[in-house]
N, C-alpha and C. Protein backbone atom coordinates (compact mmCIF):
# COMPACT_ATOMS: atom_id res chain seq x y z
N MET A 1 26.72 -2.83 35.69
CA MET A 1 26.84 -1.75 34.77
C MET A 1 25.63 -1.30 34.76
N ALA A 2 25.28 -0.01 35.18
CA ALA A 2 23.69 0.49 35.27
C ALA A 2 23.18 0.91 34.03
N THR A 3 22.03 0.87 34.00
CA THR A 3 21.21 1.13 32.89
C THR A 3 20.44 2.35 32.49
N ASN A 4 20.16 2.82 31.84
CA ASN A 4 19.12 4.09 31.92
C ASN A 4 17.96 4.07 31.02
N ASN A 5 17.14 4.31 31.81
CA ASN A 5 15.37 3.79 31.47
C ASN A 5 14.67 5.00 30.74
N THR A 6 15.62 6.06 30.71
CA THR A 6 14.91 7.12 29.73
C THR A 6 14.39 7.04 28.52
N GLY A 7 14.80 5.99 27.89
CA GLY A 7 14.32 5.91 26.47
C GLY A 7 15.20 6.58 25.55
N SER A 8 15.57 5.85 24.57
CA SER A 8 16.68 6.15 23.43
C SER A 8 15.96 6.86 22.39
N ASN A 9 14.61 6.91 22.17
CA ASN A 9 13.94 7.64 20.94
C ASN A 9 13.25 8.81 21.43
N ARG A 10 13.37 9.08 22.90
CA ARG A 10 12.61 10.46 23.22
C ARG A 10 13.61 11.81 22.79
N ILE A 11 12.28 12.66 22.19
CA ILE A 11 13.19 13.71 21.71
C ILE A 11 13.25 14.50 22.77
N LEU A 12 14.55 15.39 23.03
CA LEU A 12 15.01 16.09 24.04
C LEU A 12 14.18 17.57 23.77
N VAL A 13 14.34 17.99 22.71
CA VAL A 13 13.45 19.19 22.21
C VAL A 13 12.31 19.12 21.64
N PRO A 14 11.01 18.97 22.22
CA PRO A 14 9.84 18.97 21.64
C PRO A 14 9.59 19.81 19.89
N GLU A 15 10.32 20.56 20.08
CA GLU A 15 10.02 21.88 18.99
C GLU A 15 10.85 20.95 17.69
N ALA A 16 11.91 20.31 17.48
CA ALA A 16 12.40 19.69 17.01
C ALA A 16 11.84 18.49 16.18
N ARG A 17 10.52 18.21 16.12
CA ARG A 17 9.92 16.92 16.26
C ARG A 17 9.54 17.27 14.66
N GLN A 18 9.10 18.11 14.49
CA GLN A 18 8.76 18.72 13.13
C GLN A 18 9.73 18.89 11.90
N ALA A 19 10.73 18.96 12.44
CA ALA A 19 12.14 19.26 11.67
C ALA A 19 12.60 17.92 11.35
N LEU A 20 12.49 16.46 12.34
CA LEU A 20 13.06 15.58 12.17
C LEU A 20 12.11 14.83 11.36
N ASP A 21 11.01 14.91 11.47
CA ASP A 21 9.89 14.11 10.70
C ASP A 21 10.35 14.56 9.07
N GLN A 22 10.53 16.05 9.01
CA GLN A 22 10.54 16.42 7.57
C GLN A 22 11.98 15.61 6.76
N MET A 23 12.83 15.83 7.69
CA MET A 23 14.28 15.07 7.45
C MET A 23 14.25 13.93 6.99
N LYS A 24 13.34 12.84 8.22
CA LYS A 24 13.00 11.34 7.53
C LYS A 24 12.56 11.31 6.20
N LEU A 25 11.59 12.47 5.94
CA LEU A 25 10.56 12.21 4.53
C LEU A 25 11.51 12.49 3.30
N GLU A 26 12.55 13.47 3.78
CA GLU A 26 13.53 13.99 2.49
C GLU A 26 14.46 12.72 2.44
N ILE A 27 14.92 12.19 3.57
CA ILE A 27 16.07 10.93 3.41
C ILE A 27 15.14 9.73 2.70
N ALA A 28 14.23 9.44 2.89
CA ALA A 28 13.45 8.41 2.69
C ALA A 28 13.08 8.36 0.79
N SER A 29 12.72 9.63 0.57
CA SER A 29 12.78 10.15 -0.87
C SER A 29 13.89 9.74 -1.58
N GLU A 30 15.23 10.56 -0.82
CA GLU A 30 16.16 10.34 -1.82
C GLU A 30 16.77 8.84 -1.76
N LEU A 31 16.11 7.89 -1.04
CA LEU A 31 16.73 6.53 -0.78
C LEU A 31 15.47 5.66 -1.88
N GLY A 32 14.46 6.32 -2.39
CA GLY A 32 13.76 5.81 -3.12
C GLY A 32 12.38 5.59 -2.96
N MET A 33 11.93 5.87 -1.39
CA MET A 33 10.90 5.47 -0.91
C MET A 33 9.82 6.91 -0.69
N SER A 34 9.34 7.41 -1.93
CA SER A 34 8.97 8.58 -2.01
C SER A 34 7.72 8.52 -1.20
N ASN A 35 6.88 7.48 -0.91
CA ASN A 35 5.69 7.76 -0.55
C ASN A 35 5.86 6.97 1.34
N TYR A 36 6.67 7.49 1.93
CA TYR A 36 7.48 6.82 3.36
C TYR A 36 6.52 7.15 4.63
N ASN A 37 6.22 8.40 4.51
CA ASN A 37 5.08 8.64 5.27
C ASN A 37 3.67 7.73 5.52
N SER A 38 3.24 7.44 4.17
CA SER A 38 2.26 6.54 4.43
C SER A 38 2.05 5.06 4.50
N ILE A 39 3.58 4.60 4.31
CA ILE A 39 3.97 3.04 4.20
C ILE A 39 3.97 2.55 5.85
N ASP A 40 3.21 1.28 5.96
CA ASP A 40 3.37 0.56 6.97
C ASP A 40 4.73 0.31 7.35
N LYS A 41 5.19 0.87 8.36
CA LYS A 41 6.99 0.56 8.37
C LYS A 41 7.08 -0.56 9.12
N GLY A 42 6.12 -1.29 9.79
CA GLY A 42 6.24 -2.89 10.02
C GLY A 42 6.11 -4.10 8.75
N ASN A 43 6.01 -3.51 7.62
CA ASN A 43 6.06 -3.92 6.31
C ASN A 43 7.11 -4.01 5.61
N LEU A 44 8.26 -3.00 6.16
CA LEU A 44 9.21 -3.01 5.24
C LEU A 44 10.52 -3.91 6.02
N PRO A 45 11.05 -4.12 5.13
CA PRO A 45 12.51 -4.60 5.63
C PRO A 45 13.48 -3.91 6.79
N SER A 46 14.04 -4.48 7.49
CA SER A 46 14.68 -3.82 8.39
C SER A 46 15.69 -2.85 8.02
N ARG A 47 16.25 -3.48 6.63
CA ARG A 47 17.69 -3.07 6.20
C ARG A 47 16.69 -1.52 5.80
N GLN A 48 15.76 -1.38 5.10
CA GLN A 48 15.07 -0.08 4.37
C GLN A 48 15.11 0.87 5.66
N ASN A 49 14.24 0.55 6.67
CA ASN A 49 13.96 1.39 7.85
C ASN A 49 15.37 1.64 8.20
N GLY A 50 16.48 1.04 8.68
CA GLY A 50 17.85 1.23 9.20
C GLY A 50 18.40 2.34 8.31
N TYR A 51 18.35 2.32 6.97
CA TYR A 51 18.78 3.03 6.07
C TYR A 51 18.12 4.47 6.43
N VAL A 52 16.94 4.47 6.80
CA VAL A 52 16.56 6.14 6.95
C VAL A 52 16.76 6.69 8.10
N GLY A 53 17.10 5.66 9.22
CA GLY A 53 17.64 6.24 10.45
C GLY A 53 18.97 6.46 10.45
N GLY A 54 19.63 5.56 9.70
CA GLY A 54 21.11 5.98 9.71
C GLY A 54 21.67 6.99 9.10
N TYR A 55 20.91 7.23 7.89
CA TYR A 55 21.34 8.64 7.13
C TYR A 55 20.72 9.92 7.73
N MET A 56 19.78 9.62 8.74
CA MET A 56 19.05 10.68 9.53
C MET A 56 20.80 10.99 10.32
N THR A 57 21.00 9.84 11.17
CA THR A 57 22.08 10.07 12.20
C THR A 57 23.54 10.73 11.68
N LYS A 58 23.43 10.20 10.13
CA LYS A 58 25.07 10.93 9.50
C LYS A 58 24.75 12.25 9.09
N ARG A 59 23.40 12.87 8.94
CA ARG A 59 23.50 14.06 8.40
C ARG A 59 23.60 14.75 9.64
N LEU A 60 22.67 14.37 10.74
CA LEU A 60 22.81 15.16 12.22
C LEU A 60 24.10 15.11 12.53
N VAL A 61 24.94 14.15 12.14
CA VAL A 61 26.15 14.32 13.14
C VAL A 61 27.07 15.49 12.10
N HIS A 62 26.75 15.48 10.84
CA HIS A 62 27.59 16.16 9.80
C HIS A 62 27.13 17.71 10.41
N MET A 63 25.92 17.87 10.59
CA MET A 63 25.34 19.10 10.82
C MET A 63 26.18 19.82 12.04
N ALA A 64 26.20 18.74 13.22
CA ALA A 64 26.78 19.15 14.14
C ALA A 64 28.20 19.70 14.06
N GLN A 65 28.91 18.58 13.36
CA GLN A 65 30.35 18.93 13.35
C GLN A 65 30.53 20.22 12.56
N GLN A 66 29.84 20.56 11.77
CA GLN A 66 29.90 22.01 11.10
C GLN A 66 29.71 23.04 11.93
N SER A 67 28.53 23.00 12.77
CA SER A 67 28.17 23.94 13.60
C SER A 67 29.33 24.09 14.78
N MET A 68 30.16 23.14 15.19
CA MET A 68 31.13 23.34 15.80
C MET A 68 32.31 23.84 15.07
N GLY A 69 32.23 24.06 13.95
CA GLY A 69 33.47 24.69 13.16
C GLY A 69 34.59 23.39 12.70
N GLY A 70 34.23 22.19 12.65
CA GLY A 70 34.99 21.24 12.37
C GLY A 70 34.49 20.29 11.63
N GLY A 71 33.52 20.74 10.57
CA GLY A 71 32.78 20.03 10.07
C GLY A 71 33.80 19.71 8.36
N THR A 72 33.13 18.49 8.09
CA THR A 72 33.74 18.12 7.18
C THR A 72 33.01 18.53 5.82
N THR A 73 33.70 18.12 4.54
CA THR A 73 32.92 18.47 3.06
C THR A 73 32.50 17.70 2.65
N THR A 74 32.54 16.39 3.02
CA THR A 74 32.00 15.18 2.30
C THR A 74 30.81 14.71 3.17
N ARG A 75 29.87 14.27 2.48
CA ARG A 75 28.66 13.89 2.86
C ARG A 75 28.49 12.27 3.29
């Protein structure tokens, strides 16, 4: 199987970085991590870091579904 060495965390649209960072802070705040921007992520349990990334992915998929006209009404 061929591997892709381009990096999975690379932002393809650099202008989106600020919006993604803002989304990350909003989701972390919703999850009870109000000072997420100043927390040393290395000291957080992987479960908490995973929640933030997982909810970001879920929200981005939901937004994409809505933009394609097949969005769901639940979050």
